[in-house]
Protein backbone atom coordinates (compact mmCIF):
# COMPACT_ATOMS: atom_id res chain seq x y z
CA MET A 1 -111.21 -118.35 -77.73
CA LYS A 2 -112.13 -118.77 -81.38
CA GLY A 3 -115.55 -117.23 -80.75
CA LYS A 4 -113.95 -114.21 -79.10
CA LYS A 5 -111.65 -113.69 -82.10
CA ILE A 6 -114.57 -113.78 -84.52
CA PHE A 7 -116.49 -111.29 -82.40
CA PHE A 8 -113.45 -109.00 -82.24
CA VAL A 9 -112.99 -109.05 -86.04
CA PHE A 10 -116.72 -108.38 -86.53
CA ALA A 11 -116.56 -105.42 -84.13
CA LEU A 12 -113.62 -103.96 -86.04
CA LEU A 13 -115.53 -104.27 -89.32
CA VAL A 14 -118.56 -102.50 -87.83
CA LEU A 15 -116.39 -99.67 -86.53
CA SER A 16 -114.73 -99.33 -89.93
CA VAL A 17 -118.10 -99.02 -91.67
CA PHE A 18 -119.26 -96.32 -89.26
CA SER A 19 -115.97 -94.50 -89.69
CA LEU A 20 -116.44 -94.45 -93.46
CA VAL A 21 -120.01 -93.21 -93.12
CA GLY A 22 -118.85 -90.43 -90.83
CA CYS A 23 -116.17 -89.34 -93.30
CA SER A 24 -118.66 -89.26 -96.15
CA LYS A 25 -120.67 -86.58 -94.37
CA LYS A 26 -117.77 -84.13 -94.26
CA SER A 27 -118.14 -83.24 -97.92
CA ALA A 28 -121.00 -83.61 -100.36
CA SER A 29 -118.63 -84.60 -103.15
CA GLY A 30 -116.08 -86.62 -101.20
CA GLU A 31 -112.69 -85.67 -99.85
CA GLY A 32 -110.25 -84.64 -102.56
CA SER A 33 -112.99 -84.18 -105.16
CA ASN A 34 -112.75 -81.32 -107.65
CA THR A 35 -116.56 -81.00 -107.62
CA VAL A 36 -118.50 -78.77 -105.24
CA ILE A 37 -122.26 -79.00 -104.69
CA MET A 38 -124.09 -75.72 -104.27
CA GLY A 39 -127.46 -75.70 -102.51
CA LEU A 40 -130.09 -73.25 -103.67
CA ASP A 41 -133.77 -72.36 -103.83
CA ASP A 42 -134.41 -72.74 -107.56
CA THR A 43 -137.32 -70.27 -107.49
CA PHE A 44 -135.30 -67.29 -106.21
CA ALA A 45 -135.07 -65.00 -109.25
CA PRO A 46 -132.81 -63.38 -110.26
CA MET A 47 -130.24 -65.09 -108.02
CA GLY A 48 -130.88 -68.72 -108.98
CA PHE A 49 -134.00 -69.94 -110.79
CA ARG A 50 -135.23 -71.95 -113.77
CA ASP A 51 -135.80 -70.28 -117.12
CA GLU A 52 -138.51 -71.17 -119.64
CA ASN A 53 -136.45 -74.21 -120.70
CA GLY A 54 -136.04 -75.46 -117.15
CA GLU A 55 -132.36 -74.52 -117.04
CA LEU A 56 -130.88 -73.05 -113.86
CA VAL A 57 -129.83 -69.45 -114.45
CA GLY A 58 -129.26 -66.32 -112.42
CA PHE A 59 -126.77 -63.91 -110.88
CA ASP A 60 -125.47 -66.35 -108.27
CA ILE A 61 -125.35 -69.17 -110.82
CA ASP A 62 -123.13 -67.09 -113.13
CA LEU A 63 -120.90 -65.97 -110.25
CA ALA A 64 -120.43 -69.53 -109.00
CA LYS A 65 -119.65 -70.90 -112.45
CA GLU A 66 -116.97 -68.25 -112.95
CA VAL A 67 -115.44 -68.63 -109.48
CA PHE A 68 -115.04 -72.39 -109.76
CA ALA A 69 -114.04 -72.44 -113.45
CA ARG A 70 -111.11 -70.17 -112.57
CA ASN A 71 -109.97 -72.69 -109.97
CA GLY A 72 -110.46 -75.92 -111.89
CA TYR A 73 -113.57 -77.02 -110.03
CA GLU A 74 -116.85 -78.32 -111.38
CA VAL A 75 -119.93 -76.91 -109.63
CA LYS A 76 -123.18 -78.86 -109.38
CA PHE A 77 -126.40 -77.05 -108.45
CA GLN A 78 -128.65 -78.83 -105.97
CA PRO A 79 -132.18 -77.47 -105.28
CA ILE A 80 -133.01 -77.86 -101.58
CA ASP A 81 -135.76 -77.13 -99.09
CA TRP A 82 -134.66 -73.62 -98.11
CA SER A 83 -135.92 -74.02 -94.56
CA MET A 84 -133.44 -76.94 -94.15
CA LYS A 85 -130.41 -75.29 -95.77
CA GLU A 86 -128.09 -75.27 -92.74
CA SER A 87 -128.92 -78.91 -91.97
CA GLU A 88 -128.22 -79.89 -95.59
CA LEU A 89 -124.84 -78.16 -95.37
CA ASN A 90 -123.72 -79.57 -92.05
CA LEU A 91 -124.90 -83.09 -92.88
CA GLY A 92 -122.62 -82.96 -95.91
CA ASN A 93 -125.36 -83.14 -98.55
CA ILE A 94 -124.16 -79.85 -100.08
CA ASP A 95 -120.90 -77.90 -99.85
CA LEU A 96 -122.23 -74.35 -100.18
CA ILE A 97 -125.32 -72.26 -99.58
CA TRP A 98 -125.15 -69.65 -102.33
CA ASN A 99 -128.48 -68.15 -103.35
CA GLY A 100 -129.23 -64.72 -101.92
CA TYR A 101 -128.19 -66.06 -98.50
CA SER A 102 -128.42 -63.24 -95.95
CA ILE A 103 -125.72 -62.89 -93.31
CA THR A 104 -127.23 -62.90 -89.81
CA GLU A 105 -125.76 -63.33 -86.34
CA GLU A 106 -127.93 -66.38 -85.74
CA ARG A 107 -126.71 -68.09 -88.91
CA LYS A 108 -123.08 -67.32 -88.03
CA GLU A 109 -123.43 -69.74 -85.13
CA ASN A 110 -123.79 -72.66 -87.56
CA VAL A 111 -122.21 -71.47 -90.80
CA ALA A 112 -118.98 -69.78 -91.94
CA PHE A 113 -119.71 -66.84 -94.24
CA THR A 114 -117.59 -65.37 -97.01
CA ASP A 115 -117.18 -61.62 -97.27
CA PRO A 116 -120.47 -59.90 -98.24
CA TYR A 117 -120.87 -59.58 -102.01
CA LEU A 118 -124.28 -57.87 -102.44
CA GLU A 119 -126.54 -55.55 -100.44
CA ASN A 120 -130.25 -56.14 -99.97
CA LYS A 121 -133.20 -55.03 -97.86
CA GLN A 122 -136.57 -56.45 -96.87
CA ILE A 123 -139.38 -54.55 -98.57
CA ILE A 124 -143.19 -54.58 -98.38
CA ILE A 125 -145.18 -55.08 -101.59
CA THR A 126 -148.92 -54.75 -102.12
CA LEU A 127 -151.18 -54.46 -105.13
CA ALA A 128 -151.37 -50.95 -106.58
CA GLY A 129 -154.93 -50.32 -105.41
CA SER A 130 -154.30 -51.38 -101.83
CA SER A 131 -155.04 -49.03 -98.94
CA ILE A 132 -151.86 -50.24 -97.21
CA ASN A 133 -149.33 -47.40 -97.23
CA SER A 134 -147.29 -48.02 -94.08
CA LYS A 135 -146.31 -50.73 -91.61
CA ALA A 136 -149.11 -49.57 -89.30
CA ASP A 137 -151.59 -50.36 -92.08
CA LEU A 138 -150.62 -54.05 -91.90
CA LYS A 139 -152.73 -54.38 -88.75
CA GLY A 140 -155.41 -57.01 -89.30
CA ARG A 141 -153.98 -57.90 -92.74
CA LYS A 142 -152.68 -61.17 -94.15
CA VAL A 143 -148.94 -60.73 -94.65
CA ALA A 144 -147.05 -63.33 -96.71
CA VAL A 145 -143.44 -64.38 -96.05
CA GLN A 146 -141.21 -67.24 -97.23
CA ASN A 147 -140.65 -69.84 -94.53
CA GLY A 148 -137.06 -70.21 -93.33
CA SER A 149 -136.01 -66.89 -94.87
CA SER A 150 -134.12 -63.95 -93.38
CA THR A 151 -137.28 -61.97 -94.13
CA LEU A 152 -139.08 -63.99 -91.47
CA ASP A 153 -136.31 -63.21 -88.98
CA ALA A 154 -136.47 -59.51 -89.91
CA ILE A 155 -140.20 -59.06 -89.33
CA TYR A 156 -140.04 -60.86 -85.97
CA LYS A 157 -137.68 -58.13 -84.78
CA GLU A 158 -140.93 -56.15 -84.49
CA PRO A 159 -143.05 -58.62 -82.48
CA ALA A 160 -145.83 -56.16 -81.63
CA LEU A 161 -146.34 -55.47 -85.32
CA VAL A 162 -146.40 -59.19 -86.16
CA GLU A 163 -148.97 -59.80 -83.44
CA SER A 164 -151.19 -57.18 -85.10
CA PHE A 165 -151.28 -59.18 -88.37
CA TYR A 166 -154.38 -61.21 -89.17
CA GLY A 167 -154.15 -64.29 -86.98
CA GLY A 168 -151.24 -62.84 -85.03
CA GLU A 169 -148.60 -64.24 -87.37
CA PRO A 170 -147.46 -64.09 -91.02
CA VAL A 171 -148.79 -66.43 -93.68
CA LEU A 172 -145.87 -68.73 -94.57
CA PHE A 173 -145.06 -70.05 -98.04
CA ASP A 174 -142.38 -72.45 -99.24
CA THR A 175 -141.34 -69.99 -101.98
CA ASN A 176 -141.64 -66.28 -102.67
CA HIS A 177 -143.22 -67.12 -106.01
CA GLU A 178 -146.15 -68.77 -104.22
CA ALA A 179 -146.48 -65.74 -101.93
CA PHE A 180 -146.73 -63.38 -104.90
CA MET A 181 -149.28 -65.64 -106.61
CA ASP A 182 -151.50 -65.40 -103.52
CA LEU A 183 -151.05 -61.63 -103.47
CA GLU A 184 -152.18 -61.42 -107.11
CA ALA A 185 -155.17 -63.64 -106.29
CA CYS A 186 -156.02 -61.37 -103.30
CA ARG A 187 -155.65 -64.27 -100.86
CA VAL A 188 -153.07 -62.22 -98.94
CA ASP A 189 -152.81 -58.43 -98.57
CA ALA A 190 -149.04 -57.89 -98.67
CA VAL A 191 -145.76 -59.71 -99.26
CA VAL A 192 -142.52 -59.00 -97.41
CA SER A 193 -139.55 -60.13 -99.49
CA ASP A 194 -135.93 -59.56 -100.46
CA GLU A 195 -135.76 -56.43 -102.61
CA VAL A 196 -133.61 -58.07 -105.29
CA LEU A 197 -136.20 -60.79 -105.84
CA ALA A 198 -139.27 -58.57 -105.53
CA ARG A 199 -138.09 -55.90 -107.98
CA TYR A 200 -137.03 -58.51 -110.53
CA TYR A 201 -140.34 -60.37 -110.18
CA ILE A 202 -142.38 -57.17 -110.55
CA GLN A 203 -140.34 -56.08 -113.57
CA GLN A 204 -141.17 -59.36 -115.33
CA LYS A 205 -144.88 -58.73 -114.73
CA ASN A 206 -146.60 -55.34 -115.02
CA PRO A 207 -144.92 -52.93 -112.57
CA GLU A 208 -148.00 -50.70 -112.54
CA ASP A 209 -149.96 -53.48 -110.83
CA TYR A 210 -147.83 -53.32 -107.67
CA LYS A 211 -146.91 -50.83 -104.97
CA THR A 212 -143.73 -50.87 -102.86
CA LEU A 213 -143.97 -49.14 -99.50
CA GLU A 214 -141.37 -46.59 -98.41
CA GLU A 215 -140.98 -48.31 -95.04
CA ASP A 216 -139.09 -51.59 -94.93
CA PHE A 217 -137.81 -54.20 -92.47
CA GLY A 218 -134.14 -53.31 -92.66
CA SER A 219 -131.03 -53.75 -94.77
CA GLU A 220 -128.73 -56.75 -94.95
CA GLU A 221 -125.92 -58.28 -96.95
CA TYR A 222 -125.65 -61.50 -98.91
CA GLY A 223 -122.81 -63.96 -98.32
CA ILE A 224 -121.93 -67.54 -99.22
CA GLY A 225 -122.32 -70.12 -96.46
CA LEU A 226 -119.85 -72.96 -95.87
CA ARG A 227 -119.07 -75.43 -93.13
CA LYS A 228 -116.82 -73.84 -90.51
CA GLU A 229 -114.03 -76.34 -91.14
CA ASP A 230 -113.88 -75.56 -94.90
CA LYS A 231 -111.49 -72.63 -94.42
CA ASP A 232 -109.47 -73.22 -97.59
CA LEU A 233 -112.57 -73.21 -99.78
CA LEU A 234 -113.85 -70.06 -98.10
CA GLU A 235 -110.53 -68.29 -98.74
CA LEU A 236 -110.53 -69.46 -102.36
CA ILE A 237 -114.00 -68.01 -102.96
CA ASN A 238 -113.17 -64.69 -101.27
CA ASN A 239 -109.94 -64.29 -103.23
CA THR A 240 -111.56 -65.18 -106.56
CA LEU A 241 -114.49 -62.79 -106.06
CA ASN A 242 -111.98 -60.03 -105.28
CA GLU A 243 -110.11 -60.83 -108.50
CA MET A 244 -113.38 -60.68 -110.43
CA ARG A 245 -114.16 -57.25 -108.99
CA LYS A 246 -110.72 -55.96 -110.01
CA ASP A 247 -110.86 -57.28 -113.59
CA GLY A 248 -114.47 -56.17 -114.20
CA THR A 249 -116.05 -59.63 -114.44
CA PHE A 250 -118.18 -59.11 -111.34
CA ASP A 251 -119.63 -55.85 -112.70
CA ALA A 252 -120.34 -57.46 -116.07
CA ILE A 253 -122.36 -60.23 -114.42
CA TYR A 254 -124.11 -57.69 -112.18
CA GLU A 255 -125.17 -55.56 -115.15
CA LYS A 256 -126.49 -58.64 -116.98
CA TRP A 257 -129.03 -59.23 -114.20
CA PHE A 258 -129.57 -55.85 -112.56
CA GLY A 259 -128.57 -53.21 -115.12
CA ASP A 260 -125.92 -50.51 -114.85
CA LYS A 261 -124.83 -49.87 -111.25
CA ASP A 262 -124.40 -46.16 -111.90
CA LYS A 263 -127.94 -45.58 -113.17
């Protein structure tokens, strides 16, 4: 009888430990915490990236800081493997995906999105002297794309075109920055990328060295991704972003990174 009691107590202890572990995965910061952890690709300029001093800066960084400061939250920025972003969120390692995160039907199956806050499209960039002037000209060429990105999803909506690429598939990179470096070194022939990133990147270099094709791989909208059960946090973010639009704060942050909207 004594042995059975000891076993029973031990079993209860084991179950308690597993219960605590399970709870810890619901939130990156812990239940009741006033800190939220935001996952991002820290090379995605101008949305979230590191400046010359190694500090995280960008449009999404400034928006997030303002949203959470208004609500008494501290936000911590956590660089992640972008191809694993949904897993990081749903495992509880981060609380938000906020970094030029495109809203897609596939992602909606695993993530709750806020209202869209910025428009974007997937554009094709080559070097200025390239003979590539249309999608058809990508046949037999090395086309670079960031792995795990909405860009990758967008180009695969045209499977016959992808099959015509050199090797029958795009050349995948962990970051857009690496893709552009290979373009500049002539190791790839074109890059397909988010317009907001590509135009910012080109502007920081010499714009005359690049060419953007008139054809693209479609438009999209950016949203902020949360776990589906985090409905209160989603509502808080939506309401605060709406307040910021009304009082002009959103436009001020936009103009800091993208210039005047009306120009």
